[in-house]
C-alpha atoms as a PDB file:
ATOM      1  CA  UNK A   1      11.877  12.772 -32.422  1.00  0.00           C
ATOM      2  CA  UNK A   2      12.824  13.318 -28.366  1.00  0.00           C
ATOM      3  CA  UNK A   3      12.381  10.283 -26.929  1.00  0.00           C
ATOM      4  CA  UNK A   4       8.924  10.286 -24.090  1.00  0.00           C
ATOM      5  CA  UNK A   5       9.467  10.327 -20.471  1.00  0.00           C
ATOM      6  CA  UNK A   6       8.776   8.007 -18.385  1.00  0.00           C
ATOM      7  CA  UNK A   7       5.709   7.481 -16.689  1.00  0.00           C
ATOM      8  CA  UNK A   8       6.059   7.259 -12.753  1.00  0.00           C
ATOM      9  CA  UNK A   9       2.941   5.796 -11.338  1.00  0.00           C
ATOM     10  CA  UNK A  10       2.337   7.111  -7.443  1.00  0.00           C
ATOM     11  CA  UNK A  11      -0.165   5.222  -4.917  1.00  0.00           C
ATOM     12  CA  UNK A  12      -1.553   6.973  -1.917  1.00  0.00           C
ATOM     13  CA  UNK A  13      -2.200   4.692   1.060  1.00  0.00           C
ATOM     14  CA  UNK A  14      -4.461   6.675   2.815  1.00  0.00           C
ATOM     15  CA  UNK A  15      -4.901   5.218   6.331  1.00  0.00           C
ATOM     16  CA  UNK A  16      -3.625   1.787   6.968  1.00  0.00           C
ATOM     17  CA  UNK A  17      -3.255   0.008  10.001  1.00  0.00           C
ATOM     18  CA  UNK A  18      -0.604   1.145  11.525  1.00  0.00           C
ATOM     19  CA  UNK A  19      -1.082   4.153  12.771  1.00  0.00           C
ATOM     20  CA  UNK A  20      -3.499   4.903  15.586  1.00  0.00           C
ATOM     21  CA  UNK A  21      -5.943   8.457  15.716  1.00  0.00           C
ATOM     22  CA  UNK A  22      -3.780   9.341  18.724  1.00  0.00           C
ATOM     23  CA  UNK A  23      -0.604  10.247  16.390  1.00  0.00           C
ATOM     24  CA  UNK A  24      -2.118  12.482  14.147  1.00  0.00           C
ATOM     25  CA  UNK A  25      -5.589  14.871  13.978  1.00  0.00           C
ATOM     26  CA  UNK A  26      -5.119  14.247  10.279  1.00  0.00           C
ATOM     27  CA  UNK A  27      -5.357  10.314   9.702  1.00  0.00           C
ATOM     28  CA  UNK A  28      -8.721   9.710   8.253  1.00  0.00           C
ATOM     29  CA  UNK A  29     -10.984   7.401  10.369  1.00  0.00           C
ATOM     30  CA  UNK A  30     -14.467   7.793   9.088  1.00  0.00           C
ATOM     31  CA  UNK A  31     -16.244   6.789   5.748  1.00  0.00           C
ATOM     32  CA  UNK A  32     -16.304  10.191   4.930  1.00  0.00           C
ATOM     33  CA  UNK A  33     -12.595  11.390   5.948  1.00  0.00           C
ATOM     34  CA  UNK A  34     -11.287   8.581   3.871  1.00  0.00           C
ATOM     35  CA  UNK A  35     -13.320   8.586   1.267  1.00  0.00           C
ATOM     36  CA  UNK A  36     -12.482  12.856   1.237  1.00  0.00           C
ATOM     37  CA  UNK A  37      -8.830  11.761   1.722  1.00  0.00           C
ATOM     38  CA  UNK A  38      -8.837   8.745  -1.315  1.00  0.00           C
ATOM     39  CA  UNK A  39     -10.096  11.532  -3.903  1.00  0.00           C
ATOM     40  CA  UNK A  40      -8.002  14.167  -2.889  1.00  0.00           C
ATOM     41  CA  UNK A  41      -5.215  11.892  -3.038  1.00  0.00           C
ATOM     42  CA  UNK A  42      -6.398  11.199  -6.763  1.00  0.00           C
ATOM     43  CA  UNK A  43      -6.803  15.154  -7.439  1.00  0.00           C
ATOM     44  CA  UNK A  44      -3.468  15.584  -6.585  1.00  0.00           C
ATOM     45  CA  UNK A  45      -2.274  12.999  -8.574  1.00  0.00           C
ATOM     46  CA  UNK A  46      -2.026   9.739  -7.721  1.00  0.00           C
ATOM     47  CA  UNK A  47      -3.473   7.252  -9.967  1.00  0.00           C
ATOM     48  CA  UNK A  48      -3.837   3.957  -7.623  1.00  0.00           C
ATOM     49  CA  UNK A  49      -5.690   4.555  -3.767  1.00  0.00           C
ATOM     50  CA  UNK A  50      -4.397   2.168  -1.239  1.00  0.00           C
ATOM     51  CA  UNK A  51      -7.655   1.268   1.003  1.00  0.00           C
ATOM     52  CA  UNK A  52      -7.946  -0.051   4.630  1.00  0.00           C
ATOM     53  CA  UNK A  53     -11.054   0.701   6.653  1.00  0.00           C
ATOM     54  CA  UNK A  54     -12.061   1.952  10.517  1.00  0.00           C
ATOM     55  CA  UNK A  55     -14.254   1.657  13.388  1.00  0.00           C
ATOM     56  CA  UNK A  56     -15.402   5.369  13.048  1.00  0.00           C
ATOM     57  CA  UNK A  57     -15.954   6.037  16.621  1.00  0.00           C
ATOM     58  CA  UNK A  58     -12.490   4.666  17.299  1.00  0.00           C
ATOM     59  CA  UNK A  59     -10.449   4.596  14.752  1.00  0.00           C
ATOM     60  CA  UNK A  60      -9.628   0.819  15.209  1.00  0.00           C
ATOM     61  CA  UNK A  61      -8.593  -1.399  11.856  1.00  0.00           C
ATOM     62  CA  UNK A  62     -11.970  -3.532  11.032  1.00  0.00           C
ATOM     63  CA  UNK A  63     -11.907  -5.668   7.174  1.00  0.00           C
ATOM     64  CA  UNK A  64     -15.619  -6.229   7.346  1.00  0.00           C
ATOM     65  CA  UNK A  65     -17.077  -5.445   3.969  1.00  0.00           C
ATOM     66  CA  UNK A  66     -19.816  -3.395   5.731  1.00  0.00           C
ATOM     67  CA  UNK A  67     -17.403  -0.916   6.485  1.00  0.00           C
ATOM     68  CA  UNK A  68     -15.812  -0.684   2.846  1.00  0.00           C
ATOM     69  CA  UNK A  69     -18.575  -0.287   1.300  1.00  0.00           C
ATOM     70  CA  UNK A  70     -19.973   3.206   1.816  1.00  0.00           C
ATOM     71  CA  UNK A  71     -16.524   4.733   0.951  1.00  0.00           C
ATOM     72  CA  UNK A  72     -15.594   2.398  -2.354  1.00  0.00           C
ATOM     73  CA  UNK A  73     -18.944   3.718  -3.605  1.00  0.00           C
ATOM     74  CA  UNK A  74     -18.263   7.159  -3.132  1.00  0.00           C
ATOM     75  CA  UNK A  75     -14.623   7.419  -4.426  1.00  0.00           C
ATOM     76  CA  UNK A  76     -15.748   5.664  -7.724  1.00  0.00           C
ATOM     77  CA  UNK A  77     -18.731   8.009  -7.911  1.00  0.00           C
ATOM     78  CA  UNK A  78     -15.843  11.093  -7.237  1.00  0.00           C
ATOM     79  CA  UNK A  79     -13.520   9.963  -9.233  1.00  0.00           C
ATOM     80  CA  UNK A  80     -11.564   7.347 -11.779  1.00  0.00           C
ATOM     81  CA  UNK A  81      -8.771   6.583  -9.763  1.00  0.00           C
ATOM     82  CA  UNK A  82      -7.810   2.811  -9.710  1.00  0.00           C
ATOM     83  CA  UNK A  83      -9.006   1.436  -6.133  1.00  0.00           C
ATOM     84  CA  UNK A  84      -6.739  -1.072  -4.456  1.00  0.00           C
ATOM     85  CA  UNK A  85      -8.274  -3.255  -1.312  1.00  0.00           C
ATOM     86  CA  UNK A  86      -5.865  -4.572   1.208  1.00  0.00           C
ATOM     87  CA  UNK A  87      -5.829  -7.829   1.910  1.00  0.00           C
ATOM     88  CA  UNK A  88      -3.410  -7.282   4.807  1.00  0.00           C
ATOM     89  CA  UNK A  89      -5.555  -5.642   7.092  1.00  0.00           C
ATOM     90  CA  UNK A  90      -4.301  -5.983  10.124  1.00  0.00           C
ATOM     91  CA  UNK A  91      -1.708  -8.437  11.901  1.00  0.00           C
ATOM     92  CA  UNK A  92      -4.378  -9.138  15.025  1.00  0.00           C
ATOM     93  CA  UNK A  93      -7.072 -10.256  11.645  1.00  0.00           C
ATOM     94  CA  UNK A  94      -7.244 -13.755  10.401  1.00  0.00           C
ATOM     95  CA  UNK A  95      -6.680 -14.465   6.947  1.00  0.00           C
ATOM     96  CA  UNK A  96     -10.422 -14.777   6.089  1.00  0.00           C
ATOM     97  CA  UNK A  97     -11.417 -11.709   7.757  1.00  0.00           C
ATOM     98  CA  UNK A  98      -8.585  -9.676   5.754  1.00  0.00           C
ATOM     99  CA  UNK A  99      -9.832 -11.795   2.295  1.00  0.00           C
ATOM    100  CA  UNK A 100     -13.706 -10.444   2.639  1.00  0.00           C
ATOM    101  CA  UNK A 101     -14.027  -7.329   0.996  1.00  0.00           C
ATOM    102  CA  UNK A 102     -11.941  -8.323  -1.772  1.00  0.00           C
ATOM    103  CA  UNK A 103     -13.466 -11.369  -2.295  1.00  0.00           C
ATOM    104  CA  UNK A 104     -16.801  -9.391  -2.268  1.00  0.00           C
ATOM    105  CA  UNK A 105     -16.468  -6.116  -4.180  1.00  0.00           C
ATOM    106  CA  UNK A 106     -13.416  -8.090  -6.587  1.00  0.00           C
ATOM    107  CA  UNK A 107     -11.328  -4.326  -7.256  1.00  0.00           C
ATOM    108  CA  UNK A 108      -9.002  -4.053  -9.926  1.00  0.00           C
ATOM    109  CA  UNK A 109      -6.104  -4.189  -7.694  1.00  0.00           C
ATOM    110  CA  UNK A 110      -5.357  -5.938  -4.126  1.00  0.00           C
ATOM    111  CA  UNK A 111      -2.845  -6.158  -1.859  1.00  0.00           C
ATOM    112  CA  UNK A 112      -0.910  -9.587  -1.234  1.00  0.00           C
ATOM    113  CA  UNK A 113       1.935 -10.019   1.727  1.00  0.00           C
ATOM    114  CA  UNK A 114       3.916 -12.315   0.673  1.00  0.00           C
ATOM    115  CA  UNK A 115       5.321 -13.662   4.171  1.00  0.00           C
ATOM    116  CA  UNK A 116       4.849 -14.357   7.859  1.00  0.00           C
ATOM    117  CA  UNK A 117       6.768 -11.920   9.888  1.00  0.00           C
ATOM    118  CA  UNK A 118       7.821  -9.829  13.026  1.00  0.00           C
ATOM    119  CA  UNK A 119       5.704  -6.232  12.193  1.00  0.00           C
ATOM    120  CA  UNK A 120       6.827  -4.305  15.513  1.00  0.00           C
ATOM    121  CA  UNK A 121       4.808  -1.438  16.250  1.00  0.00           C
ATOM    122  CA  UNK A 122       5.340  -0.926  19.718  1.00  0.00           C
ATOM    123  CA  UNK A 123       8.431   1.511  19.716  1.00  0.00           C
ATOM    124  CA  UNK A 124       5.773   4.190  18.392  1.00  0.00           C
ATOM    125  CA  UNK A 125       5.044   4.176  21.943  1.00  0.00           C
ATOM    126  CA  UNK A 126       7.968   5.597  23.158  1.00  0.00           C
ATOM    127  CA  UNK A 127       7.044   8.935  21.264  1.00  0.00           C
ATOM    128  CA  UNK A 128       3.060   8.362  21.908  1.00  0.00           C
ATOM    129  CA  UNK A 129       2.286   8.267  25.705  1.00  0.00           C
ATOM    130  CA  UNK A 130      -1.351   9.859  25.707  1.00  0.00           C
ATOM    131  CA  UNK A 131      -3.232   7.549  23.565  1.00  0.00           C
ATOM    132  CA  UNK A 132      -7.243   8.632  23.384  1.00  0.00           C
ATOM    133  CA  UNK A 133      -8.515   4.817  23.235  1.00  0.00           C
ATOM    134  CA  UNK A 134      -8.767   2.313  25.129  1.00  0.00           C
ATOM    135  CA  UNK A 135      -7.497  -0.589  21.971  1.00  0.00           C
ATOM    136  CA  UNK A 136      -4.374   1.615  21.007  1.00  0.00           C
ATOM    137  CA  UNK A 137      -2.038   0.496  24.091  1.00  0.00           C
ATOM    138  CA  UNK A 138      -2.824  -3.084  23.449  1.00  0.00           C
ATOM    139  CA  UNK A 139      -2.339  -3.200  19.760  1.00  0.00           C
ATOM    140  CA  UNK A 140       0.582  -1.063  19.658  1.00  0.00           C
ATOM    141  CA  UNK A 141       2.197  -3.174  22.742  1.00  0.00           C
ATOM    142  CA  UNK A 142       1.017  -6.788  21.595  1.00  0.00           C
ATOM    143  CA  UNK A 143       3.350  -6.280  18.268  1.00  0.00           C
ATOM    144  CA  UNK A 144       5.862  -6.846  20.744  1.00  0.00           C
ATOM    145  CA  UNK A 145       4.899 -10.752  20.606  1.00  0.00           C
ATOM    146  CA  UNK A 146       2.679 -10.727  17.767  1.00  0.00           C
ATOM    147  CA  UNK A 147       3.603 -12.489  14.326  1.00  0.00           C
ATOM    148  CA  UNK A 148       2.063 -10.834  11.448  1.00  0.00           C
ATOM    149  CA  UNK A 149       0.860 -13.984   9.704  1.00  0.00           C
ATOM    150  CA  UNK A 150       0.870 -14.668   5.717  1.00  0.00           C
ATOM    151  CA  UNK A 151       2.051 -18.236   5.549  1.00  0.00           C
ATOM    152  CA  UNK A 152       1.932 -20.051   2.059  1.00  0.00           C
ATOM    153  CA  UNK A 153      -1.521 -21.814   2.255  1.00  0.00           C
ATOM    154  CA  UNK A 154      -2.918 -17.870   3.387  1.00  0.00           C
ATOM    155  CA  UNK A 155      -1.220 -16.828   0.310  1.00  0.00           C
ATOM    156  CA  UNK A 156      -2.633 -19.496  -1.843  1.00  0.00           C
ATOM    157  CA  UNK A 157      -6.034 -18.823  -0.741  1.00  0.00           C
ATOM    158  CA  UNK A 158      -5.982 -15.460  -1.578  1.00  0.00           C
ATOM    159  CA  UNK A 159      -4.566 -16.171  -4.733  1.00  0.00           C
ATOM    160  CA  UNK A 160      -7.268 -18.806  -6.126  1.00  0.00           C
ATOM    161  CA  UNK A 161     -10.101 -17.225  -4.445  1.00  0.00           C
ATOM    162  CA  UNK A 162      -9.345 -13.908  -6.566  1.00  0.00           C
ATOM    163  CA  UNK A 163      -8.278 -15.899  -9.422  1.00  0.00           C
ATOM    164  CA  UNK A 164     -11.571 -15.367 -11.658  1.00  0.00           C
ATOM    165  CA  UNK A 165     -12.609 -11.959 -10.611  1.00  0.00           C
ATOM    166  CA  UNK A 166      -9.670 -10.697 -12.814  1.00  0.00           C
ATOM    167  CA  UNK A 167      -8.244  -8.993 -10.160  1.00  0.00           C
ATOM    168  CA  UNK A 168      -4.622  -8.061  -9.917  1.00  0.00           C
ATOM    169  CA  UNK A 169      -2.232  -7.706  -6.842  1.00  0.00           C
ATOM    170  CA  UNK A 170       0.372  -5.177  -5.492  1.00  0.00           C
ATOM    171  CA  UNK A 171       2.644  -7.719  -4.209  1.00  0.00           C
ATOM    172  CA  UNK A 172       3.803  -6.303  -0.654  1.00  0.00           C
ATOM    173  CA  UNK A 173       7.656  -7.654   0.379  1.00  0.00           C
ATOM    174  CA  UNK A 174       8.870  -6.757   3.357  1.00  0.00           C
ATOM    175  CA  UNK A 175      12.618  -8.549   2.531  1.00  0.00           C
ATOM    176  CA  UNK A 176      14.391 -10.716   0.073  1.00  0.00           C
ATOM    177  CA  UNK A 177      13.254 -13.845   0.973  1.00  0.00           C
ATOM    178  CA  UNK A 178       9.253 -12.462  -0.041  1.00  0.00           C
ATOM    179  CA  UNK A 179      10.893 -11.922  -3.528  1.00  0.00           C
ATOM    180  CA  UNK A 180      11.466 -15.561  -3.946  1.00  0.00           C
ATOM    181  CA  UNK A 181       8.008 -16.326  -2.629  1.00  0.00           C
ATOM    182  CA  UNK A 182       6.517 -14.105  -4.931  1.00  0.00           C
ATOM    183  CA  UNK A 183       8.904 -16.181  -7.439  1.00  0.00           C
ATOM    184  CA  UNK A 184       7.671 -19.308  -5.979  1.00  0.00           C
ATOM    185  CA  UNK A 185       3.884 -18.169  -6.896  1.00  0.00           C
ATOM    186  CA  UNK A 186       5.065 -17.351 -10.351  1.00  0.00           C
ATOM    187  CA  UNK A 187       6.090 -20.505 -11.246  1.00  0.00           C
ATOM    188  CA  UNK A 188       3.452 -22.572 -10.421  1.00  0.00           C
ATOM    189  CA  UNK A 189       1.329 -19.706 -12.729  1.00  0.00           C
ATOM    190  CA  UNK A 190      -0.925 -18.529  -9.994  1.00  0.00           C
ATOM    191  CA  UNK A 191       0.554 -15.148  -9.773  1.00  0.00           C
ATOM    192  CA  UNK A 192       0.553 -13.818 -13.375  1.00  0.00           C
ATOM    193  CA  UNK A 193       2.873 -11.056 -15.381  1.00  0.00           C
ATOM    194  CA  UNK A 194       2.516  -7.862 -15.396  1.00  0.00           C
ATOM    195  CA  UNK A 195       3.742  -8.454 -11.328  1.00  0.00           C
ATOM    196  CA  UNK A 196       3.589  -5.052  -9.471  1.00  0.00           C
ATOM    197  CA  UNK A 197       6.393  -5.810  -6.922  1.00  0.00           C
ATOM    198  CA  UNK A 198       5.829  -3.175  -3.835  1.00  0.00           C
ATOM    199  CA  UNK A 199       8.945  -2.895  -2.138  1.00  0.00           C
ATOM    200  CA  UNK A 200       8.427  -1.802   1.452  1.00  0.00           C
ATOM    201  CA  UNK A 201      11.167  -0.638   3.397  1.00  0.00           C
ATOM    202  CA  UNK A 202      12.027   0.624   7.278  1.00  0.00           C
ATOM    203  CA  UNK A 203       9.547  -1.387   8.850  1.00  0.00           C
ATOM    204  CA  UNK A 204      11.252  -3.248  12.223  1.00  0.00           C
ATOM    205  CA  UNK A 205      10.903  -6.823  11.280  1.00  0.00           C
ATOM    206  CA  UNK A 206      11.761  -6.583   7.661  1.00  0.00           C
ATOM    207  CA  UNK A 207      13.892  -4.865   5.255  1.00  0.00           C
ATOM    208  CA  UNK A 208      15.704  -1.762   6.344  1.00  0.00           C
ATOM    209  CA  UNK A 209      15.255   1.588   4.283  1.00  0.00           C
ATOM    210  CA  UNK A 210      19.035   2.271   3.791  1.00  0.00           C
ATOM    211  CA  UNK A 211      19.973   3.109   0.147  1.00  0.00           C
ATOM    212  CA  UNK A 212      22.200   0.009  -0.334  1.00  0.00           C
ATOM    213  CA  UNK A 213      18.635  -2.138   0.528  1.00  0.00           C
ATOM    214  CA  UNK A 214      16.825  -0.425  -1.969  1.00  0.00           C
ATOM    215  CA  UNK A 215      19.339  -1.622  -4.485  1.00  0.00           C
ATOM    216  CA  UNK A 216      19.765  -5.201  -3.530  1.00  0.00           C
ATOM    217  CA  UNK A 217      16.100  -5.475  -3.432  1.00  0.00           C
ATOM    218  CA  UNK A 218      16.055  -4.280  -7.119  1.00  0.00           C
ATOM    219  CA  UNK A 219      18.968  -5.914  -7.865  1.00  0.00           C
ATOM    220  CA  UNK A 220      17.468  -9.414  -6.795  1.00  0.00           C
ATOM    221  CA  UNK A 221      13.843  -8.519  -8.161  1.00  0.00           C
ATOM    222  CA  UNK A 222      15.363  -7.630 -11.795  1.00  0.00           C
ATOM    223  CA  UNK A 223      17.099 -11.169 -11.683  1.00  0.00           C
ATOM    224  CA  UNK A 224      13.736 -12.950 -10.666  1.00  0.00           C
ATOM    225  CA  UNK A 225      11.692 -11.357 -12.811  1.00  0.00           C
ATOM    226  CA  UNK A 226      13.582  -9.938 -15.918  1.00  0.00           C
ATOM    227  CA  UNK A 227      11.370  -7.280 -17.616  1.00  0.00           C
ATOM    228  CA  UNK A 228       7.810  -9.194 -16.544  1.00  0.00           C
ATOM    229  CA  UNK A 229       7.621  -6.837 -13.707  1.00  0.00           C
ATOM    230  CA  UNK A 230       6.971  -3.254 -12.319  1.00  0.00           C
ATOM    231  CA  UNK A 231       8.596  -2.162  -9.365  1.00  0.00           C
ATOM    232  CA  UNK A 232       7.374   0.245  -6.960  1.00  0.00           C
ATOM    233  CA  UNK A 233       8.589   1.087  -3.335  1.00  0.00           C
ATOM    234  CA  UNK A 234       7.162   2.600   0.315  1.00  0.00           C
ATOM    235  CA  UNK A 235       9.434   3.730   2.580  1.00  0.00           C
ATOM    236  CA  UNK A 236       8.094   4.256   6.219  1.00  0.00           C
ATOM    237  CA  UNK A 237       7.862   7.287   8.490  1.00  0.00           C
ATOM    238  CA  UNK A 238      11.117   9.545   7.396  1.00  0.00           C
ATOM    239  CA  UNK A 239      12.058   6.433   5.061  1.00  0.00           C
ATOM    240  CA  UNK A 240       9.316   7.378   2.576  1.00  0.00           C
ATOM    241  CA  UNK A 241      10.505  10.468   0.519  1.00  0.00           C
ATOM    242  CA  UNK A 242      14.483   9.281   0.443  1.00  0.00           C
ATOM    243  CA  UNK A 243      13.021   6.047  -0.654  1.00  0.00           C
ATOM    244  CA  UNK A 244      10.518   6.849  -3.233  1.00  0.00           C
ATOM    245  CA  UNK A 245      12.984   9.417  -4.995  1.00  0.00           C
ATOM    246  CA  UNK A 246      15.305   6.489  -5.372  1.00  0.00           C
ATOM    247  CA  UNK A 247      13.386   4.300  -6.550  1.00  0.00           C
ATOM    248  CA  UNK A 248      12.091   6.619  -9.634  1.00  0.00           C
ATOM    249  CA  UNK A 249      15.711   7.321 -10.482  1.00  0.00           C
ATOM    250  CA  UNK A 250      16.334   3.271 -10.721  1.00  0.00           C
ATOM    251  CA  UNK A 251      13.189   3.026 -12.972  1.00  0.00           C
ATOM    252  CA  UNK A 252      10.133   2.289 -10.469  1.00  0.00           C
ATOM    253  CA  UNK A 253       7.359   3.684  -8.946  1.00  0.00           C
ATOM    254  CA  UNK A 254       6.600   4.997  -5.465  1.00  0.00           C
ATOM    255  CA  UNK A 255       3.842   4.757  -2.697  1.00  0.00           C
ATOM    256  CA  UNK A 256       3.325   7.709  -0.196  1.00  0.00           C
ATOM    257  CA  UNK A 257       0.073   8.339   2.074  1.00  0.00           C
ATOM    258  CA  UNK A 258      -0.363   8.708   5.700  1.00  0.00           C
ATOM    259  CA  UNK A 259      -0.446   4.616   6.233  1.00  0.00           C
ATOM    260  CA  UNK A 260       2.963   4.764   5.648  1.00  0.00           C
ATOM    261  CA  UNK A 261       4.040   7.755   7.080  1.00  0.00           C
ATOM    262  CA  UNK A 262       2.315  10.907   9.436  1.00  0.00           C
ATOM    263  CA  UNK A 263       5.382  13.328   8.113  1.00  0.00           C
ATOM    264  CA  UNK A 264       5.152  16.296   5.798  1.00  0.00           C
ATOM    265  CA  UNK A 265       8.725  17.376   6.870  1.00  0.00           C
ATOM    266  CA  UNK A 266      11.029  16.565   9.410  1.00  0.00           C
ATOM    267  CA  UNK A 267       9.363  17.512  12.961  1.00  0.00           C
ATOM    268  CA  UNK A 268       5.992  18.195  11.057  1.00  0.00           C
ATOM    269  CA  UNK A 269       2.653  15.761  10.607  1.00  0.00           C
ATOM    270  CA  UNK A 270       1.183  15.856   6.814  1.00  0.00           C
ATOM    271  CA  UNK A 271      -2.367  18.158   7.001  1.00  0.00           C
ATOM    272  CA  UNK A 272      -3.600  15.328   4.376  1.00  0.00           C
ATOM    273  CA  UNK A 273      -2.494  12.803   2.000  1.00  0.00           C
ATOM    274  CA  UNK A 274      -2.374  14.958  -0.687  1.00  0.00           C
ATOM    275  CA  UNK A 275      -0.297  16.973   0.653  1.00  0.00           C
ATOM    276  CA  UNK A 276       2.469  13.967   0.415  1.00  0.00           C
ATOM    277  CA  UNK A 277       1.223  13.560  -2.927  1.00  0.00           C
ATOM    278  CA  UNK A 278       1.984  16.998  -4.338  1.00  0.00           C
ATOM    279  CA  UNK A 279       5.049  16.549  -2.614  1.00  0.00           C
ATOM    280  CA  UNK A 280       5.832  13.181  -5.107  1.00  0.00           C
ATOM    281  CA  UNK A 281       4.632  14.677  -7.704  1.00  0.00           C
ATOM    282  CA  UNK A 282       6.782  17.593  -7.873  1.00  0.00           C
ATOM    283  CA  UNK A 283       9.993  15.052  -7.108  1.00  0.00           C
ATOM    284  CA  UNK A 284       8.401  13.335 -10.275  1.00  0.00           C
ATOM    285  CA  UNK A 285       8.904  16.178 -12.309  1.00  0.00           C
ATOM    286  CA  UNK A 286      12.019  17.680 -11.321  1.00  0.00           C
ATOM    287  CA  UNK A 287      13.555  14.228 -11.941  1.00  0.00           C
ATOM    288  CA  UNK A 288      12.200  14.839 -15.799  1.00  0.00           C
ATOM    289  CA  UNK A 289       9.698  12.454 -15.458  1.00  0.00           C
ATOM    290  CA  UNK A 290       6.044  12.355 -15.998  1.00  0.00           C
ATOM    291  CA  UNK A 291       3.178  11.500 -13.486  1.00  0.00           C
ATOM    292  CA  UNK A 292       1.032   8.163 -14.690  1.00  0.00           C
ATOM    293  CA  UNK A 293      -2.468   9.034 -14.829  1.00  0.00           C
ATOM    294  CA  UNK A 294      -4.954   6.585 -13.626  1.00  0.00           C
ATOM    295  CA  UNK A 295      -5.561   5.481 -17.271  1.00  0.00           C
ATOM    296  CA  UNK A 296      -2.189   5.071 -18.143  1.00  0.00           C
ATOM    297  CA  UNK A 297      -1.166   3.179 -15.008  1.00  0.00           C
ATOM    298  CA  UNK A 298      -4.186   0.282 -16.096  1.00  0.00           C
ATOM    299  CA  UNK A 299      -2.395   0.163 -19.331  1.00  0.00           C
ATOM    300  CA  UNK A 300       1.287  -0.704 -17.660  1.00  0.00           C
ATOM    301  CA  UNK A 301      -0.529  -2.684 -15.434  1.00  0.00           C
ATOM    302  CA  UNK A 302      -2.870  -4.620 -16.967  1.00  0.00           C
ATOM    303  CA  UNK A 303      -5.807  -4.137 -15.255  1.00  0.00           C
ATOM    304  CA  UNK A 304      -9.275  -5.172 -16.158  1.00  0.00           C
ATOM    305  CA  UNK A 305     -10.778  -1.670 -15.868  1.00  0.00           C
ATOM    306  CA  UNK A 306     -12.686   0.325 -12.788  1.00  0.00           C
ATOM    307  CA  UNK A 307     -16.865  -0.612 -14.576  1.00  0.00           C
ATOM    308  CA  UNK A 308     -15.773  -4.822 -13.562  1.00  0.00           C
ATOM    309  CA  UNK A 309     -15.942  -4.367 -10.277  1.00  0.00           C
ATOM    310  CA  UNK A 310     -18.853  -5.098  -7.772  1.00  0.00           C
ATOM    311  CA  UNK A 311     -19.191  -1.752  -5.706  1.00  0.00           C
END
């Protein structure tokens, strides 16, 4: 009997807190837009949707549970996809603010950043001169002197708060040292297998997007975690599809979405999150692999199920 093709989990991060509304008219901002984008991404082939919230008037990142609730309920009603809520929020927020939606809604998956870092957004000001909202310039320029705080205490607070909720984590690692931080919490029993490592490439302040960087991340994760983890990647900006393709060919999964890249091709904005998912689906299939369904992703990652969340 022929060997069954490996399943690749596609995650779609639909809006994030990196890009601002002036950068693309296609960036989801309102609850309705975020819900529509998430459902569209799931219908296109994403097993998991990764979610942030924004002020519906200005597009500024917000992290109050009240801003999340409308689109969480709408997505759940319309789709069986896995819902992943950020605890990264934005670098301007406290860890208590960032944790609030996950603590309240108890999702199947939450993101979790593995280290404090410089998270530089200010270079985007060179490309985007005409900003619609007052907050955008201060937010982007402020990243020149801002540290994205994720201390050991912060990480432990998030892990212990979610310990009784059955929420598992998308462990976001922006550099090699973040893998060792994850290993520390694995050794302490606060992170348990199967571990989902989301390696992040191409953010100024973290590891780059060169193929050697990707290989170094994978080799290190293999050495630290063996067969107890699943590896996924996201590439920022122009790194998105190249890094995703390399991950697939190395046995991993991939994340796309307008949080990570606004582009649909060289010099062309993506018109939707679904457009990027559709491209990822084609890449998976043309590589002789299969796209994992949400049910298959739940099995691979050991998730509790969509009926066990609090929304």
